[in-house]
Amino acid sequence: MGIFASLNAARRNLLAILPDIATRQPMVSGRTAKRWHMVMDPGAIRRILLENIDNYPKSLVTKNLLKPAIGDSMFIAEGAHWRWQRRAAAPAFSHRNVTNLGPVMSAAAQGSLARIEEAGKHAVDMYAEMVRATFEVIGNVTFSEGSQFDPEEVHRAIDGYIDAAGRLSLFDILGMPDWVPRPGRIRTGPPVRDMKAMADQAIEARKATGPSAVPDLLDLLLEGEDPETKRKMNTSELRDNLLTFIVAGHETTALTLSWALYLCAFDQEVQGRARDEAQAVLQGRVATANDLESLPFCRMIVDEALRLYPPAGIISRTAQAHDTLCGREVRPGDTVMIPIYALHRNRILWDDPDAFRPERFSNRKEIDRYAYLPFGDGPRICIGASFALQEAVIVLATLLSRRRFHLVPGRVPKPVMILTLRPEGGVWLTSEPVG
């Protein structure tokens, strides 16, 4: 594709710029205004994300898309500024703290189940329902006890921002600096300013009132400090990282659950096996964090949904110095992409890659670590991965134990990637109670 064809395709659906050959080769290179490489080889990906990480910072396009909303948070910060933030935030996402947040996830699963039961035999957009459930979780674990934080207002701001800011401009493709205005993103300003103002108010209010009875994510971040420098986050740093967790923490999990439920409705045999497991473990109650080890097949379904429909379908980096990947020259300034959607469906790496087969994750040791990257890898692996997986298994097991889901004829969701891989048109399913 030329520049304008690439721009038009990318603005509609980033998956459109992934050539089919990317599912059959270890690396694909080309030029669209600037040189680019798509890398699907696990060894080369390991070099990008781990062995030579300083040579591959996040691309300018990624930073330009996200910085207006999440500032210089750890998601886009580089070098020492990233390292101290990561060290300060890491304790908040320890296994113990994530497990302690389980009751909030169980309550959201119970609420979602009640709404689905109330719909009876009517079709429900499970994507909208999962967004509601996961936003309830992230709101409650971020700002608890009657905060001034308005979850509905923030959710509208996030949705509007993703829709407008996530669309590539010609300036992005040409690699123009972030101080050059992107006309299509001007309208994102007011909702983002309001969202930041609300977060600032909530942080200052918590500083004044002290921690909650049961520490939530904000309390844990307020207490967090870099063990090496003893530095703590100030209000603006806290706000940028909180907004990162809010945006990423509900959108990605909602997408994972939506696609998982769609796939289970598509394959009734898989759904039945998961239901048998969930019913045997739960005995009619809601799933909890302590049930996760007893729900291995439900976890496999989540893993397989993340393989087929990874929420972050493409990782983009910009090479800083000369390097060699798969025997091919990489020059300074080249865009180096890891198209996770194509990586997860690459015929060299996966047997029958387009098939829904959760059992392929029954032995994780057989899967190359850098062939499966729903949360990235290396030092910058997603800090909230265990949080997302725990939430997804709790909600999925709870719903499958009580409802049997079916596809709605003629309403097949189309995967469309802007910032995240969303089901265009929603995921419409009907359900019925099970014994």
Protein backbone atom coordinates (compact mmCIF):
# COMPACT_ATOMS: atom_id res chain seq x y z
CA MET A 1 0.00 0.00 0.00
CA GLY A 2 1.02 3.62 -0.54
CA ILE A 3 0.85 6.30 2.17
CA PHE A 4 -2.78 7.32 1.63
CA ALA A 5 -4.07 3.77 1.16
CA SER A 6 -2.25 2.73 4.35
CA LEU A 7 -3.65 5.71 6.25
CA ASN A 8 -7.23 5.03 5.14
CA ALA A 9 -6.95 1.33 5.96
CA ALA A 10 -5.33 1.96 9.35
CA ARG A 11 -7.93 4.53 10.39
CA ARG A 12 -10.70 1.99 9.73
CA ASN A 13 -8.95 -1.09 11.10
CA LEU A 14 -5.25 -1.51 11.88
CA LEU A 15 -5.54 -5.23 11.15
CA ALA A 16 -5.97 -4.24 7.50
CA ILE A 17 -2.30 -3.25 7.27
CA LEU A 18 -1.13 -6.72 8.34
CA PRO A 19 -0.27 -8.70 5.20
CA ASP A 20 -1.29 -12.36 5.09
CA ILE A 21 2.38 -13.26 4.61
CA ALA A 22 2.96 -12.15 8.21
CA THR A 23 1.21 -15.35 9.31
CA ARG A 24 3.61 -17.45 7.22
CA GLN A 25 7.01 -15.78 7.62
CA PRO A 26 9.33 -14.87 10.52
CA MET A 27 9.79 -11.26 9.34
CA VAL A 28 8.29 -8.92 6.74
CA SER A 29 9.79 -5.54 5.78
CA GLY A 30 8.74 -2.63 3.61
CA ARG A 31 8.52 1.14 3.28
CA THR A 32 5.54 3.47 3.72
CA ALA A 33 7.12 6.92 3.93
CA LYS A 34 9.66 5.31 6.29
CA ARG A 35 11.16 1.85 6.63
CA TRP A 36 9.27 -0.69 8.71
CA HIS A 37 9.64 -4.31 9.82
CA MET A 38 7.06 -6.74 11.17
CA VAL A 39 8.71 -9.37 13.36
CA MET A 40 7.12 -12.76 14.13
CA ASP A 41 10.27 -14.73 15.01
CA PRO A 42 10.43 -15.54 18.76
CA GLY A 43 14.23 -15.17 18.90
CA ALA A 44 14.13 -11.75 17.26
CA ILE A 45 11.24 -10.70 19.50
CA ARG A 46 13.26 -11.74 22.54
CA ARG A 47 16.05 -9.45 21.33
CA ILE A 48 13.63 -6.52 20.93
CA LEU A 49 11.83 -6.92 24.25
CA LEU A 50 14.65 -8.25 26.45
CA GLU A 51 18.20 -8.53 25.17
CA ASN A 52 18.47 -5.16 23.36
CA ILE A 53 15.51 -3.36 24.91
CA ASP A 54 17.19 0.08 25.12
CA ASN A 55 17.53 0.10 21.33
CA TYR A 56 13.77 -0.29 20.88
CA PRO A 57 11.80 2.32 22.86
CA LYS A 58 8.09 2.73 22.18
CA SER A 59 7.46 4.42 18.86
CA LEU A 60 6.59 8.10 18.47
CA VAL A 61 3.19 7.06 17.07
CA THR A 62 2.37 5.15 20.28
CA LYS A 63 3.48 8.06 22.44
CA ASN A 64 1.59 10.64 20.36
CA LEU A 65 -1.61 8.59 20.57
CA LEU A 66 -1.52 8.05 24.33
CA LYS A 67 0.39 10.92 25.95
CA PRO A 68 -2.52 13.43 25.97
CA ALA A 69 -4.53 11.08 28.20
CA ILE A 70 -1.93 9.29 30.35
CA GLY A 71 0.99 11.73 30.35
CA ASP A 72 4.43 10.33 31.01
CA SER A 73 3.14 7.33 32.97
CA MET A 74 5.07 4.09 33.12
CA PHE A 75 3.24 2.81 30.02
CA ILE A 76 5.09 5.23 27.73
CA ALA A 77 7.98 6.53 29.90
CA GLU A 78 11.48 5.38 29.03
CA GLY A 79 14.78 4.77 30.81
CA ALA A 80 15.29 5.87 34.41
CA HIS A 81 11.90 7.64 34.54
CA TRP A 82 10.17 4.36 33.65
CA ARG A 83 12.30 2.25 35.99
CA TRP A 84 11.59 4.19 39.19
CA GLN A 85 7.84 4.31 38.47
CA ARG A 86 7.77 0.57 37.82
CA ARG A 87 9.65 -0.19 41.04
CA ALA A 88 7.34 2.09 43.04
CA ALA A 89 4.14 0.55 41.63
CA ALA A 90 5.20 -3.11 41.63
CA PRO A 91 4.18 -3.90 45.25
CA ALA A 92 0.61 -2.81 44.51
CA PHE A 93 0.34 -5.70 42.04
CA SER A 94 1.88 -8.40 44.24
CA HIS A 95 0.09 -11.75 44.35
CA ARG A 96 -1.19 -11.02 47.86
CA ASN A 97 -2.61 -7.62 46.96
CA VAL A 98 -4.23 -8.88 43.76
CA THR A 99 -5.80 -11.79 45.67
CA ASN A 100 -7.10 -9.34 48.30
CA LEU A 101 -8.96 -7.48 45.53
CA GLY A 102 -10.76 -10.71 44.56
CA PRO A 103 -14.01 -9.94 46.43
CA VAL A 104 -14.55 -6.87 44.24
CA MET A 105 -14.21 -9.08 41.14
CA SER A 106 -16.58 -11.67 42.59
CA ALA A 107 -19.17 -8.97 43.33
CA ALA A 108 -18.94 -7.68 39.76
CA ALA A 109 -19.37 -11.24 38.44
CA GLN A 110 -22.48 -11.63 40.59
CA GLY A 111 -23.89 -8.33 39.32
CA SER A 112 -23.23 -9.28 35.71
CA LEU A 113 -24.89 -12.67 36.19
CA ALA A 114 -27.96 -10.99 37.68
CA ARG A 115 -28.31 -8.62 34.71
CA ILE A 116 -27.94 -11.48 32.21
CA GLU A 117 -30.52 -13.55 34.10
CA GLU A 118 -32.90 -10.58 34.08
CA ALA A 119 -32.63 -10.39 30.28
CA GLY A 120 -34.03 -13.93 30.09
CA LYS A 121 -34.03 -15.25 26.53
CA HIS A 122 -33.41 -11.82 24.99
CA ALA A 123 -30.07 -11.31 23.26
CA VAL A 124 -27.49 -9.35 25.26
CA ASP A 125 -24.50 -7.45 23.90
CA MET A 126 -21.88 -9.22 25.99
CA TYR A 127 -19.23 -6.69 25.03
CA ALA A 128 -21.26 -3.85 26.57
CA GLU A 129 -22.06 -6.04 29.57
CA MET A 130 -18.42 -7.00 30.13
CA VAL A 131 -17.35 -3.35 29.82
CA ARG A 132 -19.84 -2.51 32.56
CA ALA A 133 -18.67 -5.34 34.81
CA THR A 134 -14.94 -4.69 34.41
CA PHE A 135 -15.37 -0.94 34.79
CA GLU A 136 -17.18 -1.62 38.04
CA VAL A 137 -14.16 -3.62 39.19
CA ILE A 138 -11.54 -1.05 38.20
CA GLY A 139 -13.60 1.79 39.65
CA ASN A 140 -14.01 0.01 42.98
CA VAL A 141 -10.40 -1.09 43.32
CA THR A 142 -9.13 2.33 42.30
CA PHE A 143 -11.40 4.77 44.12
CA SER A 144 -13.40 3.16 46.90
CA GLU A 145 -15.57 4.45 49.74
CA GLY A 146 -17.70 7.11 48.09
CA SER A 147 -15.01 8.88 46.14
CA GLN A 148 -15.78 12.00 44.13
CA PHE A 149 -14.64 10.04 41.09
CA ASP A 150 -17.63 9.72 38.72
CA PRO A 151 -17.20 6.37 36.93
CA GLU A 152 -19.83 7.06 34.25
CA GLU A 153 -18.29 10.39 33.31
CA VAL A 154 -14.80 8.92 33.20
CA HIS A 155 -16.00 5.99 31.09
CA ARG A 156 -17.55 8.36 28.53
CA ALA A 157 -14.32 10.34 28.40
CA ILE A 158 -12.24 7.18 27.90
CA ASP A 159 -14.52 5.88 25.15
CA GLY A 160 -14.47 9.19 23.31
CA TYR A 161 -10.72 9.43 23.64
CA ILE A 162 -10.09 5.95 22.28
CA ASP A 163 -12.41 6.60 19.35
CA ALA A 164 -10.81 9.90 18.31
CA ALA A 165 -7.24 9.80 19.55
CA GLY A 166 -6.64 6.21 18.51
CA ARG A 167 -7.02 6.92 14.82
CA LEU A 168 -3.77 7.41 12.97
CA SER A 169 -3.16 10.67 11.15
CA LEU A 170 -0.98 11.25 8.12
CA PHE A 171 1.39 13.10 10.45
CA ASP A 172 1.87 9.89 12.46
CA ILE A 173 2.75 7.86 9.38
CA LEU A 174 5.20 10.54 8.26
CA GLY A 175 6.83 10.45 11.70
CA MET A 176 6.20 14.13 12.48
CA PRO A 177 6.91 15.26 16.08
CA ASP A 178 4.19 15.38 18.72
CA TRP A 179 4.13 19.20 18.88
CA VAL A 180 2.55 19.26 15.41
CA PRO A 181 -1.23 19.28 16.12
CA ARG A 182 -3.33 16.35 14.92
CA PRO A 183 -6.62 17.99 13.82
CA GLY A 184 -8.71 14.88 14.48
CA ARG A 185 -7.68 14.83 18.14
CA ILE A 186 -8.57 18.40 19.07
CA ARG A 187 -12.02 17.37 20.31
CA THR A 188 -10.50 14.96 22.82
CA GLY A 189 -9.15 17.84 24.90
CA PRO A 190 -12.13 18.77 27.12
CA PRO A 191 -13.13 15.24 28.23
CA VAL A 192 -9.50 14.35 28.97
CA ARG A 193 -9.04 17.55 31.01
CA ASP A 194 -12.20 16.76 32.98
CA MET A 195 -11.03 13.18 33.56
CA LYS A 196 -7.65 14.36 34.85
CA ALA A 197 -9.26 16.98 37.08
CA MET A 198 -11.54 14.38 38.69
CA ALA A 199 -8.60 12.07 39.30
CA ASP A 200 -6.55 14.89 40.86
CA GLN A 201 -9.44 15.76 43.19
CA ALA A 202 -9.86 12.15 44.27
CA ILE A 203 -6.12 11.77 44.96
CA GLU A 204 -5.97 14.96 47.03
CA ALA A 205 -9.11 13.92 48.94
CA ARG A 206 -7.58 10.53 49.77
CA LYS A 207 -4.39 12.20 50.96
CA ALA A 208 -6.52 14.27 53.33
CA THR A 209 -8.72 11.45 54.63
CA GLY A 210 -6.13 8.69 54.81
CA PRO A 211 -6.30 5.09 53.53
CA SER A 212 -9.46 3.00 53.21
CA ALA A 213 -10.29 0.24 55.69
CA VAL A 214 -9.27 -2.29 53.04
CA PRO A 215 -6.44 -0.73 50.97
CA ASP A 216 -7.41 -0.19 47.34
CA LEU A 217 -5.15 0.49 44.38
CA LEU A 218 -4.94 4.23 45.11
CA ASP A 219 -3.90 3.57 48.72
CA LEU A 220 -1.25 1.10 47.59
CA LEU A 221 0.16 3.55 45.03
CA LEU A 222 0.17 6.41 47.53
CA GLU A 223 2.23 4.23 49.85
CA GLY A 224 4.49 2.89 47.11
CA GLU A 225 8.04 4.10 46.79
CA ASP A 226 11.05 3.21 44.70
CA PRO A 227 13.16 0.97 47.00
CA GLU A 228 16.36 2.29 45.41
CA THR A 229 15.72 6.06 45.45
CA LYS A 230 12.88 6.22 48.05
CA ARG A 231 11.03 8.44 45.60
CA LYS A 232 7.21 8.50 45.72
CA MET A 233 4.80 9.60 43.01
CA ASN A 234 3.43 13.13 43.21
CA THR A 235 -0.20 13.91 42.37
CA SER A 236 0.31 14.28 38.61
CA GLU A 237 2.38 11.08 38.42
CA LEU A 238 -0.22 9.21 40.47
CA ARG A 239 -2.99 10.54 38.26
CA ASP A 240 -1.29 9.58 35.00
CA ASN A 241 -0.61 6.05 36.22
CA LEU A 242 -4.09 5.64 37.69
CA LEU A 243 -5.68 6.70 34.42
CA THR A 244 -3.41 4.21 32.63
CA PHE A 245 -4.64 1.41 34.92
CA ILE A 246 -8.26 2.51 34.52
CA VAL A 247 -8.12 2.65 30.70
CA ALA A 248 -6.10 -0.56 30.33
CA GLY A 249 -7.54 -2.36 33.33
CA HIS A 250 -11.14 -2.51 32.20
CA GLU A 251 -11.01 -2.27 28.40
CA THR A 252 -8.60 -5.16 27.86
CA THR A 253 -10.30 -7.52 30.33
CA ALA A 254 -13.73 -6.68 28.92
CA LEU A 255 -12.49 -7.53 25.44
CA THR A 256 -10.94 -10.81 26.60
CA LEU A 257 -14.18 -11.87 28.27
CA SER A 258 -16.32 -10.80 25.29
CA TRP A 259 -14.26 -12.84 22.84
CA ALA A 260 -14.08 -15.79 25.29
CA LEU A 261 -17.89 -15.89 25.62
CA TYR A 262 -18.29 -15.60 21.84
CA LEU A 263 -15.89 -18.52 21.31
CA CYS A 264 -17.68 -20.62 23.94
CA ALA A 265 -21.01 -19.94 22.22
CA PHE A 266 -19.36 -20.91 18.93
CA ASP A 267 -18.08 -24.22 20.36
CA GLN A 268 -20.70 -25.78 22.63
CA GLU A 269 -18.46 -28.75 23.43
CA VAL A 270 -15.79 -26.47 24.89
CA GLN A 271 -18.46 -24.50 26.73
CA GLY A 272 -19.88 -27.70 28.21
CA ARG A 273 -16.49 -28.87 29.43
CA ALA A 274 -15.85 -25.50 31.09
CA ARG A 275 -19.31 -25.54 32.67
CA ASP A 276 -18.74 -29.00 34.14
CA GLU A 277 -15.48 -27.80 35.69
CA ALA A 278 -16.99 -24.58 37.04
CA GLN A 279 -20.06 -26.28 38.50
CA ALA A 280 -17.96 -28.96 40.20
CA VAL A 281 -15.78 -26.30 41.84
CA LEU A 282 -18.32 -23.58 42.60
CA GLN A 283 -21.34 -25.67 43.64
CA GLY A 284 -23.71 -22.80 42.83
CA ARG A 285 -21.70 -19.95 44.34
CA VAL A 286 -19.73 -17.13 42.70
CA ALA A 287 -16.09 -17.79 41.83
CA THR A 288 -13.38 -16.28 44.04
CA ALA A 289 -9.66 -15.66 43.74
CA ASN A 290 -9.02 -18.81 45.77
CA ASP A 291 -10.73 -20.94 43.08
CA LEU A 292 -8.31 -20.11 40.27
CA GLU A 293 -6.06 -23.16 40.67
CA SER A 294 -9.15 -25.40 40.54
CA LEU A 295 -10.36 -23.88 37.24
CA PRO A 296 -7.55 -24.78 34.79
CA PHE A 297 -9.79 -25.27 31.74
CA CYS A 298 -11.53 -21.92 32.25
CA ARG A 299 -8.05 -20.37 32.36
CA MET A 300 -7.17 -22.18 29.10
CA ILE A 301 -10.21 -20.61 27.44
CA VAL A 302 -9.04 -17.18 28.57
CA ASP A 303 -5.54 -17.92 27.24
CA GLU A 304 -6.90 -19.09 23.88
CA ALA A 305 -9.17 -16.04 23.58
CA LEU A 306 -6.12 -13.86 24.21
CA ARG A 307 -4.26 -15.76 21.49
CA LEU A 308 -6.95 -15.41 18.85
CA TYR A 309 -8.03 -11.87 19.78
CA PRO A 310 -5.20 -10.14 21.69
CA PRO A 311 -6.49 -6.79 23.01
CA ALA A 312 -3.26 -5.05 21.99
CA GLY A 313 -2.89 -6.42 18.47
CA ILE A 314 0.31 -4.58 17.51
CA ILE A 315 3.37 -3.41 19.51
CA SER A 316 5.38 -0.65 17.82
CA ARG A 317 8.99 0.38 18.51
CA THR A 318 11.51 2.74 16.89
CA ALA A 319 15.08 1.50 16.41
CA GLN A 320 17.74 3.82 17.83
CA ALA A 321 20.85 2.16 16.38
CA HIS A 322 21.87 -0.37 13.76
CA ASP A 323 20.89 -3.94 14.57
CA THR A 324 20.25 -7.26 12.87
CA LEU A 325 16.99 -9.20 13.19
CA CYS A 326 16.47 -12.51 11.39
CA GLY A 327 19.62 -11.76 9.41
CA ARG A 328 18.12 -8.49 8.13
CA GLU A 329 19.52 -5.00 8.68
CA VAL A 330 17.61 -2.65 10.95
CA ARG A 331 18.61 1.02 10.71
CA PRO A 332 18.19 3.89 13.18
CA GLY A 333 14.71 5.38 12.81
CA ASP A 334 13.15 2.21 11.40
CA THR A 335 9.73 1.28 12.79
CA VAL A 336 9.86 -2.22 14.24
CA MET A 337 6.46 -3.79 14.87
CA ILE A 338 5.51 -6.97 16.67
CA PRO A 339 2.07 -7.70 15.19
CA ILE A 340 0.78 -9.87 18.02
CA TYR A 341 -2.38 -10.73 16.08
CA ALA A 342 -0.25 -12.21 13.27
CA LEU A 343 2.29 -13.73 15.70
CA HIS A 344 -0.49 -15.64 17.46
CA ARG A 345 -1.75 -17.00 14.14
CA ASN A 346 1.64 -17.67 12.55
CA ARG A 347 1.68 -21.05 10.82
CA ILE A 348 5.35 -21.63 11.65
CA LEU A 349 4.65 -21.36 15.38
CA TRP A 350 1.15 -22.76 15.88
CA ASP A 351 -0.62 -25.94 14.81
CA ASP A 352 -3.95 -25.10 13.12
CA PRO A 353 -3.57 -21.47 14.27
CA ASP A 354 -7.04 -20.21 13.30
CA ALA A 355 -8.83 -22.93 15.28
CA PHE A 356 -10.27 -22.40 18.77
CA ARG A 357 -8.49 -25.06 20.83
CA PRO A 358 -8.08 -24.14 24.50
CA GLU A 359 -6.37 -27.45 25.26
CA ARG A 360 -3.26 -26.23 23.43
CA PHE A 361 -2.49 -24.41 26.72
CA SER A 362 -2.66 -27.59 28.83
CA ASN A 363 1.15 -27.66 28.79
CA ARG A 364 2.52 -24.13 28.68
CA LYS A 365 6.10 -25.43 28.51
CA GLU A 366 5.47 -26.57 24.93
CA ILE A 367 4.71 -22.99 23.83
CA ASP A 368 7.66 -20.73 23.04
CA ARG A 369 7.58 -17.86 25.53
CA TYR A 370 7.99 -15.28 22.76
CA ALA A 371 5.38 -16.84 20.48
CA TYR A 372 2.57 -15.87 22.86
CA LEU A 373 2.56 -12.26 24.05
CA PRO A 374 -0.90 -11.08 25.15
CA PHE A 375 0.75 -8.96 27.87
CA GLY A 376 4.09 -8.31 26.16
CA ASP A 377 7.24 -9.61 27.85
CA GLY A 378 10.62 -8.63 29.19
CA PRO A 379 11.03 -5.89 31.83
CA ARG A 380 8.01 -4.05 30.39
CA ILE A 381 5.57 -6.94 30.62
CA CYS A 382 2.13 -5.65 31.64
CA ILE A 383 2.21 -4.93 35.39
CA GLY A 384 -1.48 -5.81 35.69
CA ALA A 385 -1.38 -9.18 33.93
CA SER A 386 -2.18 -11.24 37.04
CA PHE A 387 -4.98 -8.82 37.96
CA ALA A 388 -6.56 -9.19 34.49
CA LEU A 389 -6.27 -12.99 34.40
CA GLN A 390 -7.74 -13.38 37.88
CA GLU A 391 -10.68 -11.14 37.00
CA ALA A 392 -11.31 -12.88 33.66
CA VAL A 393 -11.39 -16.39 35.17
CA ILE A 394 -13.64 -15.30 38.06
CA VAL A 395 -16.21 -13.72 35.74
CA LEU A 396 -16.07 -16.42 33.05
CA ALA A 397 -16.40 -19.34 35.48
CA THR A 398 -19.28 -17.65 37.32
CA LEU A 399 -21.25 -16.99 34.12
CA LEU A 400 -20.63 -20.39 32.53
CA SER A 401 -21.60 -22.24 35.70
CA ARG A 402 -25.10 -20.73 35.60
CA ARG A 403 -25.90 -19.88 31.95
CA ARG A 404 -25.61 -21.63 28.58
CA PHE A 405 -24.70 -19.13 25.86
CA HIS A 406 -25.71 -19.30 22.17
CA LEU A 407 -24.80 -17.32 19.07
CA VAL A 408 -27.36 -15.02 17.47
CA PRO A 409 -27.67 -15.97 13.77
CA GLY A 410 -26.38 -13.29 11.43
CA ARG A 411 -24.60 -11.32 14.17
CA VAL A 412 -20.95 -12.35 13.98
CA PRO A 413 -18.59 -9.80 15.54
CA LYS A 414 -15.87 -8.40 13.28
CA PRO A 415 -12.47 -7.81 14.92
CA VAL A 416 -11.52 -4.15 14.41
CA MET A 417 -8.40 -2.62 15.90
CA ILE A 418 -8.07 1.10 16.60
CA LEU A 419 -6.19 1.22 19.90
CA THR A 420 -7.53 -2.14 21.04
CA LEU A 421 -9.01 -5.13 19.21
CA ARG A 422 -12.76 -4.58 19.58
CA PRO A 423 -15.71 -6.63 18.26
CA GLU A 424 -17.41 -4.29 15.78
CA GLY A 425 -21.15 -4.35 16.35
CA GLY A 426 -20.79 -5.98 19.76
CA VAL A 427 -21.00 -9.63 20.85
CA TRP A 428 -24.70 -10.52 20.84
CA LEU A 429 -25.55 -13.78 22.59
CA THR A 430 -28.63 -15.37 24.04
CA SER A 431 -28.48 -17.50 27.17
CA GLU A 432 -30.54 -19.90 29.18
CA PRO A 433 -30.25 -21.21 32.74
CA VAL A 434 -28.55 -24.53 33.42
CA GLY A 435 -29.10 -26.95 36.25
